[in-house]
Amino acid sequence: MYLPVCRREIDDNEFIQAWIAFCQRHFGTQNRRQAMEFNMPLLHRNAGMAFLEENELRGLDMLLRELSGDLNRKQVTHEFFASNNHIILRNREATNPATGRHVFGATIIEN
């Protein structure tokens, strides 16, 4: 997996394990299968990590910030999805857990 904003490579397996742990911690998925099928909201903003945490914007952007170590820059971009289309797919199927509104999300592509 490539994170274009911070120009960092992350092993695909490391990303999947982080995805599963993030889903269990923030979205209550009970096991690997549930996490792998979960439509995670993107919830990306041009704001710092403190803003995301204060507003409970827990989604793919927060996960990628944690993985990259670049906490104050949005990581979810069109280039991110283009670079990682072998492992992750953008969709319109997610729900913002704070508001219940339908939002853009992402799912893992299992090979």
PDB file of N, CA and C in Angstrom:
ATOM      1  N   MET A   1       0.853  -1.170   0.000  1.00  0.00           N
ATOM      2  CA  MET A   1       0.000   0.000   0.000  1.00  0.00           C
ATOM      3  C   MET A   1       0.900   1.234   0.000  1.00  0.00           C
ATOM      4  N   TYR A   2       0.513   2.203  -0.809  1.00  0.00           N
ATOM      5  CA  TYR A   2       1.285   3.444  -0.919  1.00  0.00           C
ATOM      6  C   TYR A   2       0.442   4.611  -0.412  1.00  0.00           C
ATOM      7  N   LEU A   3       1.040   5.428   0.446  1.00  0.00           N
ATOM      8  CA  LEU A   3       0.396   6.642   0.956  1.00  0.00           C
ATOM      9  C   LEU A   3       1.037   7.838   0.263  1.00  0.00           C
ATOM     10  N   PRO A   4       0.407   8.345  -0.798  1.00  0.00           N
ATOM     11  CA  PRO A   4       1.038   9.380  -1.626  1.00  0.00           C
ATOM     12  C   PRO A   4       1.303  10.702  -0.907  1.00  0.00           C
ATOM     13  N   VAL A   5       0.463  11.100   0.035  1.00  0.00           N
ATOM     14  CA  VAL A   5       0.641  12.396   0.694  1.00  0.00           C
ATOM     15  C   VAL A   5       1.968  12.433   1.446  1.00  0.00           C
ATOM     16  N   CYS A   6       2.277  11.363   2.168  1.00  0.00           N
ATOM     17  CA  CYS A   6       3.520  11.340   2.943  1.00  0.00           C
ATOM     18  C   CYS A   6       4.609  10.512   2.262  1.00  0.00           C
ATOM     19  N   ARG A   7       4.295   9.998   1.070  1.00  0.00           N
ATOM     20  CA  ARG A   7       5.242   9.204   0.279  1.00  0.00           C
ATOM     21  C   ARG A   7       5.805   8.029   1.074  1.00  0.00           C
ATOM     22  N   ARG A   8       4.907   7.251   1.654  1.00  0.00           N
ATOM     23  CA  ARG A   8       5.318   6.130   2.489  1.00  0.00           C
ATOM     24  C   ARG A   8       4.667   4.846   1.998  1.00  0.00           C
ATOM     25  N   GLU A   9       5.433   3.780   2.006  1.00  0.00           N
ATOM     26  CA  GLU A   9       4.933   2.443   1.684  1.00  0.00           C
ATOM     27  C   GLU A   9       4.597   1.720   2.980  1.00  0.00           C
ATOM     28  N   ILE A  10       3.474   1.014   2.978  1.00  0.00           N
ATOM     29  CA  ILE A  10       3.080   0.174   4.100  1.00  0.00           C
ATOM     30  C   ILE A  10       2.759  -1.194   3.536  1.00  0.00           C
ATOM     31  N   ASP A  11       3.233  -2.222   4.186  1.00  0.00           N
ATOM     32  CA  ASP A  11       2.945  -3.579   3.765  1.00  0.00           C
ATOM     33  C   ASP A  11       1.432  -3.810   3.762  1.00  0.00           C
ATOM     34  N   ASP A  12       0.916  -4.451   2.721  1.00  0.00           N
ATOM     35  CA  ASP A  12      -0.525  -4.700   2.622  1.00  0.00           C
ATOM     36  C   ASP A  12      -1.062  -5.453   3.836  1.00  0.00           C
ATOM     37  N   ASN A  13      -0.315  -6.431   4.320  1.00  0.00           N
ATOM     38  CA  ASN A  13      -0.765  -7.197   5.488  1.00  0.00           C
ATOM     39  C   ASN A  13      -0.805  -6.329   6.741  1.00  0.00           C
ATOM     40  N   GLU A  14       0.152  -5.430   6.878  1.00  0.00           N
ATOM     41  CA  GLU A  14       0.145  -4.501   8.014  1.00  0.00           C
ATOM     42  C   GLU A  14      -1.104  -3.617   7.955  1.00  0.00           C
ATOM     43  N   PHE A  15      -1.440  -3.161   6.744  1.00  0.00           N
ATOM     44  CA  PHE A  15      -2.633  -2.339   6.578  1.00  0.00           C
ATOM     45  C   PHE A  15      -3.890  -3.125   6.950  1.00  0.00           C
ATOM     46  N   ILE A  16      -3.999  -4.353   6.486  1.00  0.00           N
ATOM     47  CA  ILE A  16      -5.183  -5.163   6.776  1.00  0.00           C
ATOM     48  C   ILE A  16      -5.312  -5.404   8.278  1.00  0.00           C
ATOM     49  N   GLN A  17      -4.212  -5.707   8.945  1.00  0.00           N
ATOM     50  CA  GLN A  17      -4.270  -5.917  10.394  1.00  0.00           C
ATOM     51  C   GLN A  17      -4.687  -4.636  11.112  1.00  0.00           C
ATOM     52  N   ALA A  18      -4.176  -3.500  10.657  1.00  0.00           N
ATOM     53  CA  ALA A  18      -4.560  -2.217  11.259  1.00  0.00           C
ATOM     54  C   ALA A  18      -6.037  -1.921  10.994  1.00  0.00           C
ATOM     55  N   TRP A  19      -6.510  -2.232   9.784  1.00  0.00           N
ATOM     56  CA  TRP A  19      -7.930  -2.053   9.429  1.00  0.00           C
ATOM     57  C   TRP A  19      -8.811  -2.855  10.389  1.00  0.00           C
ATOM     58  N   ILE A  20      -8.465  -4.132  10.580  1.00  0.00           N
ATOM     59  CA  ILE A  20      -9.253  -5.004  11.451  1.00  0.00           C
ATOM     60  C   ILE A  20      -9.289  -4.457  12.871  1.00  0.00           C
ATOM     61  N   ALA A  21      -8.131  -4.080  13.405  1.00  0.00           N
ATOM     62  CA  ALA A  21      -8.063  -3.543  14.776  1.00  0.00           C
ATOM     63  C   ALA A  21      -8.859  -2.248  14.897  1.00  0.00           C
ATOM     64  N   PHE A  22      -8.765  -1.375  13.889  1.00  0.00           N
ATOM     65  CA  PHE A  22      -9.486  -0.093  13.896  1.00  0.00           C
ATOM     66  C   PHE A  22     -10.999  -0.349  13.867  1.00  0.00           C
ATOM     67  N   CYS A  23     -11.437  -1.287  13.034  1.00  0.00           N
ATOM     68  CA  CYS A  23     -12.865  -1.623  12.952  1.00  0.00           C
ATOM     69  C   CYS A  23     -13.375  -2.168  14.281  1.00  0.00           C
ATOM     70  N   GLN A  24     -12.587  -3.004  14.918  1.00  0.00           N
ATOM     71  CA  GLN A  24     -13.005  -3.564  16.202  1.00  0.00           C
ATOM     72  C   GLN A  24     -13.051  -2.486  17.282  1.00  0.00           C
ATOM     73  N   ARG A  25     -12.066  -1.616  17.299  1.00  0.00           N
ATOM     74  CA  ARG A  25     -11.970  -0.567  18.329  1.00  0.00           C
ATOM     75  C   ARG A  25     -13.043   0.501  18.156  1.00  0.00           C
ATOM     76  N   HIS A  26     -13.286   0.938  16.925  1.00  0.00           N
ATOM     77  CA  HIS A  26     -14.168   2.089  16.714  1.00  0.00           C
ATOM     78  C   HIS A  26     -15.558   1.747  16.191  1.00  0.00           C
ATOM     79  N   PHE A  27     -15.729   0.586  15.582  1.00  0.00           N
ATOM     80  CA  PHE A  27     -17.014   0.261  14.967  1.00  0.00           C
ATOM     81  C   PHE A  27     -17.650  -1.006  15.517  1.00  0.00           C
ATOM     82  N   GLY A  28     -16.992  -1.655  16.466  1.00  0.00           N
ATOM     83  CA  GLY A  28     -17.578  -2.798  17.144  1.00  0.00           C
ATOM     84  C   GLY A  28     -17.673  -4.076  16.334  1.00  0.00           C
ATOM     85  N   THR A  29     -16.879  -4.204  15.261  1.00  0.00           N
ATOM     86  CA  THR A  29     -16.891  -5.471  14.544  1.00  0.00           C
ATOM     87  C   THR A  29     -16.349  -6.549  15.479  1.00  0.00           C
ATOM     88  N   GLN A  30     -16.899  -7.732  15.386  1.00  0.00           N
ATOM     89  CA  GLN A  30     -16.584  -8.793  16.342  1.00  0.00           C
ATOM     90  C   GLN A  30     -15.457  -9.723  15.902  1.00  0.00           C
ATOM     91  N   ASN A  31     -15.194  -9.792  14.607  1.00  0.00           N
ATOM     92  CA  ASN A  31     -14.176 -10.732  14.134  1.00  0.00           C
ATOM     93  C   ASN A  31     -13.583 -10.244  12.816  1.00  0.00           C
ATOM     94  N   ARG A  32     -12.609 -10.993  12.326  1.00  0.00           N
ATOM     95  CA  ARG A  32     -11.913 -10.626  11.086  1.00  0.00           C
ATOM     96  C   ARG A  32     -12.891 -10.517   9.914  1.00  0.00           C
ATOM     97  N   ARG A  33     -13.793 -11.486   9.778  1.00  0.00           N
ATOM     98  CA  ARG A  33     -14.714 -11.476   8.649  1.00  0.00           C
ATOM     99  C   ARG A  33     -15.574 -10.221   8.640  1.00  0.00           C
ATOM    100  N   GLN A  34     -16.132  -9.867   9.788  1.00  0.00           N
ATOM    101  CA  GLN A  34     -16.946  -8.648   9.873  1.00  0.00           C
ATOM    102  C   GLN A  34     -16.129  -7.412   9.512  1.00  0.00           C
ATOM    103  N   ALA A  35     -14.913  -7.342   9.992  1.00  0.00           N
ATOM    104  CA  ALA A  35     -14.061  -6.189   9.698  1.00  0.00           C
ATOM    105  C   ALA A  35     -13.727  -6.114   8.212  1.00  0.00           C
ATOM    106  N   MET A  36     -13.448  -7.262   7.597  1.00  0.00           N
ATOM    107  CA  MET A  36     -13.081  -7.280   6.185  1.00  0.00           C
ATOM    108  C   MET A  36     -14.262  -6.928   5.286  1.00  0.00           C
ATOM    109  N   GLU A  37     -15.483  -7.133   5.759  1.00  0.00           N
ATOM    110  CA  GLU A  37     -16.673  -6.802   4.979  1.00  0.00           C
ATOM    111  C   GLU A  37     -17.213  -5.412   5.302  1.00  0.00           C
ATOM    112  N   PHE A  38     -16.611  -4.748   6.270  1.00  0.00           N
ATOM    113  CA  PHE A  38     -17.113  -3.457   6.743  1.00  0.00           C
ATOM    114  C   PHE A  38     -16.877  -2.348   5.714  1.00  0.00           C
ATOM    115  N   ASN A  39     -17.880  -1.515   5.513  1.00  0.00           N
ATOM    116  CA  ASN A  39     -17.749  -0.317   4.675  1.00  0.00           C
ATOM    117  C   ASN A  39     -17.343   0.837   5.585  1.00  0.00           C
ATOM    118  N   MET A  40     -16.055   1.139   5.606  1.00  0.00           N
ATOM    119  CA  MET A  40     -15.546   2.177   6.499  1.00  0.00           C
ATOM    120  C   MET A  40     -15.770   3.555   5.884  1.00  0.00           C
ATOM    121  N   PRO A  41     -16.350   4.486   6.648  1.00  0.00           N
ATOM    122  CA  PRO A  41     -16.516   5.845   6.126  1.00  0.00           C
ATOM    123  C   PRO A  41     -15.142   6.503   5.923  1.00  0.00           C
ATOM    124  N   LEU A  42     -15.040   7.346   4.892  1.00  0.00           N
ATOM    125  CA  LEU A  42     -13.768   8.047   4.653  1.00  0.00           C
ATOM    126  C   LEU A  42     -13.536   9.120   5.714  1.00  0.00           C
ATOM    127  N   LEU A  43     -14.527   9.990   5.909  1.00  0.00           N
ATOM    128  CA  LEU A  43     -14.489  11.069   6.902  1.00  0.00           C
ATOM    129  C   LEU A  43     -13.172  11.844   6.870  1.00  0.00           C
ATOM    130  N   HIS A  44     -12.778  12.249   5.681  1.00  0.00           N
ATOM    131  CA  HIS A  44     -11.527  12.986   5.491  1.00  0.00           C
ATOM    132  C   HIS A  44     -11.785  14.494   5.518  1.00  0.00           C
ATOM    133  N   ARG A  45     -10.890  15.194   6.148  1.00  0.00           N
ATOM    134  CA  ARG A  45     -10.987  16.643   6.291  1.00  0.00           C
ATOM    135  C   ARG A  45      -9.605  17.261   6.180  1.00  0.00           C
ATOM    136  N   ASN A  46      -9.567  18.501   5.726  1.00  0.00           N
ATOM    137  CA  ASN A  46      -8.325  19.271   5.753  1.00  0.00           C
ATOM    138  C   ASN A  46      -8.228  19.942   7.124  1.00  0.00           C
ATOM    139  N   ALA A  47      -7.992  19.139   8.129  1.00  0.00           N
ATOM    140  CA  ALA A  47      -7.894  19.609   9.507  1.00  0.00           C
ATOM    141  C   ALA A  47      -6.952  18.669  10.241  1.00  0.00           C
ATOM    142  N   GLY A  48      -6.491  19.103  11.389  1.00  0.00           N
ATOM    143  CA  GLY A  48      -5.583  18.280  12.184  1.00  0.00           C
ATOM    144  C   GLY A  48      -6.282  17.121  12.863  1.00  0.00           C
ATOM    145  N   MET A  49      -5.483  16.220  13.375  1.00  0.00           N
ATOM    146  CA  MET A  49      -6.002  15.036  14.047  1.00  0.00           C
ATOM    147  C   MET A  49      -6.851  15.423  15.261  1.00  0.00           C
ATOM    148  N   ALA A  50      -6.489  16.451  15.969  1.00  0.00           N
ATOM    149  CA  ALA A  50      -7.269  16.878  17.138  1.00  0.00           C
ATOM    150  C   ALA A  50      -8.709  17.196  16.733  1.00  0.00           C
ATOM    151  N   PHE A  51      -8.889  17.848  15.576  1.00  0.00           N
ATOM    152  CA  PHE A  51     -10.229  18.161  15.082  1.00  0.00           C
ATOM    153  C   PHE A  51     -11.014  16.879  14.808  1.00  0.00           C
ATOM    154  N   LEU A  52     -10.356  15.899  14.171  1.00  0.00           N
ATOM    155  CA  LEU A  52     -11.023  14.635  13.873  1.00  0.00           C
ATOM    156  C   LEU A  52     -11.469  13.947  15.162  1.00  0.00           C
ATOM    157  N   GLU A  53     -10.579  13.929  16.150  1.00  0.00           N
ATOM    158  CA  GLU A  53     -10.913  13.274  17.416  1.00  0.00           C
ATOM    159  C   GLU A  53     -12.026  14.008  18.150  1.00  0.00           C
ATOM    160  N   GLU A  54     -11.947  15.331  18.211  1.00  0.00           N
ATOM    161  CA  GLU A  54     -12.958  16.126  18.913  1.00  0.00           C
ATOM    162  C   GLU A  54     -14.343  15.949  18.296  1.00  0.00           C
ATOM    163  N   ASN A  55     -14.394  15.787  16.982  1.00  0.00           N
ATOM    164  CA  ASN A  55     -15.667  15.663  16.271  1.00  0.00           C
ATOM    165  C   ASN A  55     -16.033  14.211  15.958  1.00  0.00           C
ATOM    166  N   GLU A  56     -15.297  13.292  16.556  1.00  0.00           N
ATOM    167  CA  GLU A  56     -15.540  11.857  16.392  1.00  0.00           C
ATOM    168  C   GLU A  56     -15.622  11.435  14.933  1.00  0.00           C
ATOM    169  N   LEU A  57     -14.708  11.968  14.121  1.00  0.00           N
ATOM    170  CA  LEU A  57     -14.635  11.627  12.698  1.00  0.00           C
ATOM    171  C   LEU A  57     -13.695  10.431  12.531  1.00  0.00           C
ATOM    172  N   ARG A  58     -14.148   9.294  13.028  1.00  0.00           N
ATOM    173  CA  ARG A  58     -13.350   8.076  12.980  1.00  0.00           C
ATOM    174  C   ARG A  58     -13.663   7.329  11.697  1.00  0.00           C
ATOM    175  N   GLY A  59     -12.666   7.292  10.826  1.00  0.00           N
ATOM    176  CA  GLY A  59     -12.843   6.648   9.538  1.00  0.00           C
ATOM    177  C   GLY A  59     -11.504   6.349   8.904  1.00  0.00           C
ATOM    178  N   LEU A  60     -11.527   6.097   7.603  1.00  0.00           N
ATOM    179  CA  LEU A  60     -10.307   5.713   6.892  1.00  0.00           C
ATOM    180  C   LEU A  60      -9.219   6.769   7.015  1.00  0.00           C
ATOM    181  N   ASP A  61      -9.578   8.048   6.951  1.00  0.00           N
ATOM    182  CA  ASP A  61      -8.543   9.073   7.027  1.00  0.00           C
ATOM    183  C   ASP A  61      -7.819   9.018   8.375  1.00  0.00           C
ATOM    184  N   MET A  62      -8.551   8.804   9.452  1.00  0.00           N
ATOM    185  CA  MET A  62      -7.911   8.711  10.765  1.00  0.00           C
ATOM    186  C   MET A  62      -6.987   7.493  10.828  1.00  0.00           C
ATOM    187  N   LEU A  63      -7.443   6.361  10.304  1.00  0.00           N
ATOM    188  CA  LEU A  63      -6.611   5.159  10.276  1.00  0.00           C
ATOM    189  C   LEU A  63      -5.314   5.410   9.516  1.00  0.00           C
ATOM    190  N   LEU A  64      -5.412   6.020   8.337  1.00  0.00           N
ATOM    191  CA  LEU A  64      -4.216   6.268   7.533  1.00  0.00           C
ATOM    192  C   LEU A  64      -3.275   7.265   8.194  1.00  0.00           C
ATOM    193  N   ARG A  65      -3.820   8.245   8.881  1.00  0.00           N
ATOM    194  CA  ARG A  65      -2.966   9.190   9.613  1.00  0.00           C
ATOM    195  C   ARG A  65      -2.188   8.463  10.698  1.00  0.00           C
ATOM    196  N   GLU A  66      -2.861   7.556  11.409  1.00  0.00           N
ATOM    197  CA  GLU A  66      -2.178   6.781  12.444  1.00  0.00           C
ATOM    198  C   GLU A  66      -1.075   5.921  11.847  1.00  0.00           C
ATOM    199  N   LEU A  67      -1.350   5.277  10.723  1.00  0.00           N
ATOM    200  CA  LEU A  67      -0.351   4.413  10.081  1.00  0.00           C
ATOM    201  C   LEU A  67       0.824   5.202   9.515  1.00  0.00           C
ATOM    202  N   SER A  68       0.543   6.371   8.971  1.00  0.00           N
ATOM    203  CA  SER A  68       1.595   7.145   8.311  1.00  0.00           C
ATOM    204  C   SER A  68       2.454   7.931   9.291  1.00  0.00           C
ATOM    205  N   GLY A  69       1.893   8.234  10.456  1.00  0.00           N
ATOM    206  CA  GLY A  69       2.606   9.095  11.401  1.00  0.00           C
ATOM    207  C   GLY A  69       2.453  10.567  11.058  1.00  0.00           C
ATOM    208  N   ASP A  70       1.747  10.861   9.981  1.00  0.00           N
ATOM    209  CA  ASP A  70       1.501  12.241   9.537  1.00  0.00           C
ATOM    210  C   ASP A  70       0.098  12.623  10.001  1.00  0.00           C
ATOM    211  N   LEU A  71      -0.021  13.064  11.242  1.00  0.00           N
ATOM    212  CA  LEU A  71      -1.321  13.236  11.878  1.00  0.00           C
ATOM    213  C   LEU A  71      -2.094  14.455  11.410  1.00  0.00           C
ATOM    214  N   ASN A  72      -1.438  15.422  10.823  1.00  0.00           N
ATOM    215  CA  ASN A  72      -2.109  16.687  10.539  1.00  0.00           C
ATOM    216  C   ASN A  72      -2.403  16.952   9.069  1.00  0.00           C
ATOM    217  N   ARG A  73      -2.219  15.930   8.223  1.00  0.00           N
ATOM    218  CA  ARG A  73      -2.557  16.109   6.809  1.00  0.00           C
ATOM    219  C   ARG A  73      -3.496  15.014   6.351  1.00  0.00           C
ATOM    220  N   LYS A  74      -4.501  15.406   5.586  1.00  0.00           N
ATOM    221  CA  LYS A  74      -5.466  14.451   5.024  1.00  0.00           C
ATOM    222  C   LYS A  74      -4.721  13.432   4.175  1.00  0.00           C
ATOM    223  N   GLN A  75      -5.021  12.157   4.398  1.00  0.00           N
ATOM    224  CA  GLN A  75      -4.357  11.073   3.660  1.00  0.00           C
ATOM    225  C   GLN A  75      -5.231  10.472   2.567  1.00  0.00           C
ATOM    226  N   VAL A  76      -6.539  10.590   2.696  1.00  0.00           N
ATOM    227  CA  VAL A  76      -7.450  10.009   1.709  1.00  0.00           C
ATOM    228  C   VAL A  76      -7.600  10.977   0.544  1.00  0.00           C
ATOM    229  N   THR A  77      -7.086  10.580  -0.607  1.00  0.00           N
ATOM    230  CA  THR A  77      -7.141  11.401  -1.821  1.00  0.00           C
ATOM    231  C   THR A  77      -7.480  10.494  -3.009  1.00  0.00           C
ATOM    232  N   HIS A  78      -7.769  11.099  -4.144  1.00  0.00           N
ATOM    233  CA  HIS A  78      -7.997  10.309  -5.367  1.00  0.00           C
ATOM    234  C   HIS A  78      -6.739   9.508  -5.709  1.00  0.00           C
ATOM    235  N   GLU A  79      -5.569  10.123  -5.518  1.00  0.00           N
ATOM    236  CA  GLU A  79      -4.309   9.434  -5.803  1.00  0.00           C
ATOM    237  C   GLU A  79      -4.132   8.215  -4.891  1.00  0.00           C
ATOM    238  N   PHE A  80      -4.575   8.327  -3.649  1.00  0.00           N
ATOM    239  CA  PHE A  80      -4.505   7.189  -2.733  1.00  0.00           C
ATOM    240  C   PHE A  80      -5.280   6.000  -3.299  1.00  0.00           C
ATOM    241  N   PHE A  81      -6.521   6.237  -3.731  1.00  0.00           N
ATOM    242  CA  PHE A  81      -7.330   5.139  -4.263  1.00  0.00           C
ATOM    243  C   PHE A  81      -6.751   4.605  -5.573  1.00  0.00           C
ATOM    244  N   ALA A  82      -6.234   5.468  -6.419  1.00  0.00           N
ATOM    245  CA  ALA A  82      -5.634   5.020  -7.677  1.00  0.00           C
ATOM    246  C   ALA A  82      -4.389   4.167  -7.420  1.00  0.00           C
ATOM    247  N   SER A  83      -3.617   4.528  -6.420  1.00  0.00           N
ATOM    248  CA  SER A  83      -2.387   3.798  -6.104  1.00  0.00           C
ATOM    249  C   SER A  83      -2.643   2.470  -5.417  1.00  0.00           C
ATOM    250  N   ASN A  84      -3.806   2.302  -4.832  1.00  0.00           N
ATOM    251  CA  ASN A  84      -4.072   1.126  -3.997  1.00  0.00           C
ATOM    252  C   ASN A  84      -5.311   0.347  -4.423  1.00  0.00           C
ATOM    253  N   ASN A  85      -5.649   0.439  -5.713  1.00  0.00           N
ATOM    254  CA  ASN A  85      -6.867  -0.217  -6.186  1.00  0.00           C
ATOM    255  C   ASN A  85      -6.771  -1.746  -6.183  1.00  0.00           C
ATOM    256  N   HIS A  86      -5.627  -2.279  -5.832  1.00  0.00           N
ATOM    257  CA  HIS A  86      -5.479  -3.730  -5.693  1.00  0.00           C
ATOM    258  C   HIS A  86      -5.964  -4.226  -4.329  1.00  0.00           C
ATOM    259  N   ILE A  87      -6.166  -3.300  -3.380  1.00  0.00           N
ATOM    260  CA  ILE A  87      -6.501  -3.716  -2.020  1.00  0.00           C
ATOM    261  C   ILE A  87      -7.704  -2.988  -1.426  1.00  0.00           C
ATOM    262  N   ILE A  88      -8.039  -1.809  -1.963  1.00  0.00           N
ATOM    263  CA  ILE A  88      -9.121  -1.027  -1.370  1.00  0.00           C
ATOM    264  C   ILE A  88      -9.970  -0.393  -2.465  1.00  0.00           C
ATOM    265  N   LEU A  89     -11.266  -0.329  -2.216  1.00  0.00           N
ATOM    266  CA  LEU A  89     -12.211   0.185  -3.203  1.00  0.00           C
ATOM    267  C   LEU A  89     -13.081   1.261  -2.567  1.00  0.00           C
ATOM    268  N   ARG A  90     -13.177   2.392  -3.223  1.00  0.00           N
ATOM    269  CA  ARG A  90     -14.043   3.474  -2.761  1.00  0.00           C
ATOM    270  C   ARG A  90     -15.486   3.160  -3.157  1.00  0.00           C
ATOM    271  N   ASN A  91     -16.433   3.528  -2.289  1.00  0.00           N
ATOM    272  CA  ASN A  91     -17.839   3.280  -2.580  1.00  0.00           C
ATOM    273  C   ASN A  91     -18.709   4.363  -1.954  1.00  0.00           C
ATOM    274  N   ARG A  92     -20.010   4.230  -2.142  1.00  0.00           N
ATOM    275  CA  ARG A  92     -20.978   5.165  -1.548  1.00  0.00           C
ATOM    276  C   ARG A  92     -21.864   4.444  -0.540  1.00  0.00           C
ATOM    277  N   GLU A  93     -21.312   3.462   0.117  1.00  0.00           N
ATOM    278  CA  GLU A  93     -22.103   2.556   0.941  1.00  0.00           C
ATOM    279  C   GLU A  93     -21.943   2.765   2.443  1.00  0.00           C
ATOM    280  N   ALA A  94     -21.103   3.669   2.891  1.00  0.00           N
ATOM    281  CA  ALA A  94     -20.803   3.789   4.322  1.00  0.00           C
ATOM    282  C   ALA A  94     -21.800   4.701   5.035  1.00  0.00           C
ATOM    283  N   THR A  95     -21.760   4.613   6.350  1.00  0.00           N
ATOM    284  CA  THR A  95     -22.603   5.444   7.198  1.00  0.00           C
ATOM    285  C   THR A  95     -21.717   6.159   8.208  1.00  0.00           C
ATOM    286  N   ASN A  96     -21.938   7.451   8.359  1.00  0.00           N
ATOM    287  CA  ASN A  96     -21.233   8.212   9.381  1.00  0.00           C
ATOM    288  C   ASN A  96     -21.818   7.786  10.732  1.00  0.00           C
ATOM    289  N   PRO A  97     -20.997   7.186  11.616  1.00  0.00           N
ATOM    290  CA  PRO A  97     -21.546   6.683  12.872  1.00  0.00           C
ATOM    291  C   PRO A  97     -22.058   7.790  13.797  1.00  0.00           C
ATOM    292  N   ALA A  98     -21.559   8.993  13.656  1.00  0.00           N
ATOM    293  CA  ALA A  98     -21.992  10.092  14.519  1.00  0.00           C
ATOM    294  C   ALA A  98     -23.338  10.668  14.093  1.00  0.00           C
ATOM    295  N   THR A  99     -23.627  10.643  12.775  1.00  0.00           N
ATOM    296  CA  THR A  99     -24.846  11.292  12.271  1.00  0.00           C
ATOM    297  C   THR A  99     -25.851  10.330  11.663  1.00  0.00           C
ATOM    298  N   GLY A 100     -25.398   9.136  11.284  1.00  0.00           N
ATOM    299  CA  GLY A 100     -26.267   8.183  10.610  1.00  0.00           C
ATOM    300  C   GLY A 100     -26.467   8.469   9.131  1.00  0.00           C
ATOM    301  N   ARG A 101     -25.793   9.490   8.618  1.00  0.00           N
ATOM    302  CA  ARG A 101     -25.930   9.854   7.208  1.00  0.00           C
ATOM    303  C   ARG A 101     -25.075   8.951   6.332  1.00  0.00           C
ATOM    304  N   HIS A 102     -25.555   8.730   5.093  1.00  0.00           N
ATOM    305  CA  HIS A 102     -24.772   7.981   4.118  1.00  0.00           C
ATOM    306  C   HIS A 102     -23.633   8.855   3.615  1.00  0.00           C
ATOM    307  N   VAL A 103     -22.441   8.271   3.564  1.00  0.00           N
ATOM    308  CA  VAL A 103     -21.237   8.987   3.149  1.00  0.00           C
ATOM    309  C   VAL A 103     -20.395   8.074   2.263  1.00  0.00           C
ATOM    310  N   PHE A 104     -19.387   8.655   1.633  1.00  0.00           N
ATOM    311  CA  PHE A 104     -18.434   7.843   0.882  1.00  0.00           C
ATOM    312  C   PHE A 104     -17.660   6.972   1.854  1.00  0.00           C
ATOM    313  N   GLY A 105     -17.359   5.776   1.401  1.00  0.00           N
ATOM    314  CA  GLY A 105     -16.627   4.838   2.239  1.00  0.00           C
ATOM    315  C   GLY A 105     -15.651   4.025   1.426  1.00  0.00           C
ATOM    316  N   ALA A 106     -15.117   2.991   2.045  1.00  0.00           N
ATOM    317  CA  ALA A 106     -14.154   2.116   1.390  1.00  0.00           C
ATOM    318  C   ALA A 106     -14.285   0.715   1.966  1.00  0.00           C
ATOM    319  N   THR A 107     -13.965  -0.264   1.127  1.00  0.00           N
ATOM    320  CA  THR A 107     -13.945  -1.647   1.556  1.00  0.00           C
ATOM    321  C   THR A 107     -12.639  -2.292   1.099  1.00  0.00           C
ATOM    322  N   ILE A 108     -12.280  -3.332   1.788  1.00  0.00           N
ATOM    323  CA  ILE A 108     -11.092  -4.103   1.435  1.00  0.00           C
ATOM    324  C   ILE A 108     -11.445  -5.060   0.298  1.00  0.00           C
ATOM    325  N   ILE A 109     -10.543  -5.192  -0.648  1.00  0.00           N
ATOM    326  CA  ILE A 109     -10.681  -6.184  -1.712  1.00  0.00           C
ATOM    327  C   ILE A 109      -9.859  -7.381  -1.287  1.00  0.00           C
ATOM    328  N   GLU A 110     -10.514  -8.506  -1.087  1.00  0.00           N
ATOM    329  CA  GLU A 110      -9.795  -9.710  -0.695  1.00  0.00           C
ATOM    330  C   GLU A 110      -9.383 -10.491  -1.925  1.00  0.00           C
ATOM    331  N   ASN A 111      -8.137 -10.893  -1.944  1.00  0.00           N
ATOM    332  CA  ASN A 111      -7.624 -11.686  -3.067  1.00  0.00           C
ATOM    333  C   ASN A 111      -7.636 -13.141  -2.718  1.00  0.00           C
TER     334      ASN A 111
END
